[in-house]
Protein backbone atom coordinates (compact mmCIF):
# COMPACT_ATOMS: atom_id res chain seq x y z
CA MET A 1 -2.55 0.17 -2.52
CA PHE A 2 -3.55 0.10 1.05
CA SER A 3 -4.60 2.43 3.80
CA ILE A 4 -3.21 2.65 7.30
CA ASP A 5 -5.05 4.27 10.19
CA LYS A 6 -2.81 6.76 12.00
CA ASP A 7 -3.65 8.46 15.28
CA PRO A 8 -3.01 12.23 14.96
CA SER A 9 -0.43 12.09 17.76
CA ALA A 10 1.32 8.92 16.56
CA LYS A 11 4.95 8.97 15.43
CA LEU A 12 5.52 5.60 13.79
CA ASP A 13 7.61 3.75 11.22
CA TYR A 14 5.71 2.67 8.11
CA VAL A 15 7.24 0.01 5.86
CA PHE A 16 6.94 -0.22 2.08
CA ASP A 17 7.83 -3.78 1.02
CA TRP A 18 8.86 -3.74 -2.65
CA THR A 19 9.49 -7.48 -3.00
CA ASP A 20 6.27 -8.13 -4.96
CA TRP A 21 6.84 -5.12 -7.25
CA LEU A 22 10.39 -5.92 -8.29
CA HIS A 23 11.06 -7.84 -11.48
CA LYS A 24 11.91 -11.48 -10.74
CA THR A 25 15.59 -10.82 -11.60
CA GLU A 26 15.70 -8.02 -9.02
CA VAL A 27 14.15 -9.78 -6.02
CA LYS A 28 17.27 -10.18 -3.95
CA GLU A 29 18.71 -8.50 -0.91
CA GLY A 30 20.12 -5.10 -1.82
CA ALA A 31 18.25 -4.67 -5.12
CA ILE A 32 17.20 -1.11 -4.22
CA LYS A 33 19.86 1.47 -5.08
CA THR A 34 18.05 4.71 -4.23
CA CYS A 35 14.72 5.73 -2.77
CA THR A 36 12.66 8.89 -2.30
CA VAL A 37 9.66 9.26 -0.02
CA ARG A 38 7.23 12.19 -0.26
CA VAL A 39 4.19 13.02 1.88
CA SER A 40 1.27 15.39 1.35
CA ASP A 41 0.80 18.53 3.45
CA GLY A 42 -0.58 17.92 6.92
CA ILE A 43 1.76 15.12 8.03
CA VAL A 44 5.52 15.18 8.51
CA LEU A 45 8.12 12.83 7.05
CA GLU A 46 10.80 12.81 9.77
CA ASP A 47 13.20 10.48 7.98
CA TYR A 48 13.39 7.38 5.79
CA SER A 49 15.84 4.61 5.05
CA PHE A 50 15.99 1.33 3.20
CA SER A 51 17.08 -2.16 4.10
CA GLY A 52 16.86 -5.04 1.63
CA ASN A 53 13.60 -4.58 -0.29
CA ASN A 54 11.95 -2.48 2.43
CA ILE A 55 11.70 1.29 2.67
CA ILE A 56 11.06 2.46 6.23
CA ALA A 57 9.42 5.89 6.54
CA TYR A 58 9.17 7.62 9.94
CA ILE A 59 5.98 9.70 9.69
CA SER A 60 4.67 12.06 12.35
CA GLY A 61 2.65 15.24 12.52
CA GLY A 62 -0.93 15.74 13.49
CA GLY A 63 -3.13 15.40 10.49
CA GLU A 64 -6.87 15.73 10.73
CA GLU A 65 -9.07 12.89 11.92
CA GLY A 66 -10.85 11.20 9.02
CA LYS A 67 -8.65 12.80 6.34
CA THR A 68 -6.53 10.70 3.98
CA TYR A 69 -2.95 11.74 3.28
CA ARG A 70 -0.88 10.56 0.34
CA VAL A 71 2.56 8.99 0.82
CA GLU A 72 4.66 8.29 -2.27
CA CYS A 73 7.63 5.97 -2.35
CA GLU A 74 9.87 5.86 -5.42
CA ILE A 75 12.84 3.54 -5.88
CA THR A 76 15.56 2.85 -8.42
CA THR A 77 17.06 -0.63 -8.49
CA THR A 78 20.66 -1.66 -9.00
CA ILE A 79 19.86 -2.61 -12.63
CA GLY A 80 18.24 0.77 -13.31
CA SER A 81 14.52 -0.02 -13.05
CA ASN A 82 12.40 2.77 -11.60
CA TYR A 83 9.19 2.18 -9.64
CA LEU A 84 6.75 4.67 -8.11
CA LEU A 85 4.16 3.33 -5.71
CA THR A 86 1.50 5.91 -6.62
CA GLU A 87 0.70 5.38 -10.32
CA ASN A 88 -2.87 6.16 -11.20
CA ILE A 89 -5.19 3.18 -11.44
CA GLU A 90 -7.19 2.77 -14.63
CA ALA A 91 -9.07 -0.44 -13.76
CA CYS A 92 -9.29 -2.80 -10.83
CA GLU A 93 -10.77 -6.16 -9.93
CA ILE A 94 -11.47 -7.24 -6.34
CA SER A 95 -11.81 -10.90 -5.41
CA VAL A 96 -13.11 -12.14 -2.09
CA PRO A 97 -13.46 -15.71 -0.84
CA GLU A 98 -16.72 -17.38 0.06
CA GLY A 99 -17.99 -16.27 3.44
CA ILE A 100 -17.55 -12.54 3.02
CA LYS A 101 -19.17 -10.16 0.55
CA LEU A 102 -17.79 -7.37 -1.62
CA ASP A 103 -20.53 -4.74 -1.33
CA SER A 104 -18.87 -2.23 -3.66
CA TYR A 105 -15.52 -0.65 -4.49
CA SER A 106 -14.06 2.51 -6.00
CA PHE A 107 -10.68 3.80 -7.06
CA LEU A 108 -9.39 7.35 -7.15
CA ASP A 109 -5.94 8.99 -7.00
CA GLY A 110 -4.07 5.69 -6.81
CA LYS A 111 -6.20 4.31 -3.99
CA VAL A 112 -8.68 1.43 -4.13
CA THR A 113 -11.39 1.36 -1.48
CA ALA A 114 -13.44 -1.81 -1.00
CA TRP A 115 -16.53 -2.10 1.18
CA ILE A 116 -16.68 -5.64 2.55
CA SER A 117 -19.28 -7.17 4.84
CA GLY A 118 -20.02 -10.47 6.52
CA GLY A 119 -17.60 -13.11 7.67
CA GLU A 120 -17.38 -15.57 10.52
CA ASN A 121 -16.00 -14.48 13.90
CA GLY A 122 -12.40 -15.64 14.37
CA LYS A 123 -11.87 -16.46 10.69
CA THR A 124 -9.28 -14.74 8.47
CA TYR A 125 -10.07 -13.98 4.83
CA ARG A 126 -7.73 -13.10 1.99
CA VAL A 127 -8.99 -10.26 -0.23
CA SER A 128 -7.14 -9.61 -3.49
CA CYS A 129 -7.08 -6.50 -5.65
CA LYS A 130 -5.74 -6.66 -9.20
CA ILE A 131 -5.09 -3.27 -10.80
CA THR A 132 -4.12 -1.99 -14.22
CA THR A 133 -2.37 1.38 -14.22
CA THR A 134 -2.57 4.13 -16.80
CA GLU A 135 0.90 2.99 -17.90
CA GLY A 136 -0.46 -0.51 -18.61
CA ARG A 137 1.20 -2.16 -15.64
CA ILE A 138 -0.73 -4.93 -13.94
CA ASP A 139 -0.25 -5.84 -10.31
CA GLU A 140 -2.13 -7.78 -7.68
CA ARG A 141 -1.97 -7.27 -3.93
CA SER A 142 -3.72 -9.08 -1.11
CA ILE A 143 -4.68 -8.15 2.40
CA PHE A 144 -5.85 -10.44 5.17
CA ILE A 145 -8.95 -9.47 7.11
CA LYS A 146 -9.62 -11.12 10.44
CA VAL A 147 -13.24 -10.99 11.55
CA LYS A 148 -13.44 -10.24 15.25
CA ASP A 149 -16.30 -9.27 17.56
CA ARG A 150 -15.61 -5.93 19.21
């Protein structure tokens, strides 16, 4: 799971890439048959569509600064598999490369938050998060963090 900063006045497309979630026999163009996107109160889902393994959600609405809003994306594939991006997380493991430090992490309501410090200016680090859901599913996602003086 990841978090995206959204300006209260922004009206932007947000993409859910399902390639890494699909079973290896489903990772092909057009594997998604149906999709449903839901958002929590406070932001507005204008529209959504899908292309290949990507769901594109057009989200607008104000929202409050500093508040986190939940966006769910559920798909059904052409072979009948059903995936929901917001399963609850039962356990997680964060791995960081040498050069940066994992200070702490928490998980709640399907969201993992990691507090990371350090790093060398101009260098990009890959941080991985492996989760186990309450349904026993295991998945690993990575983000890339570029350290940059502001």
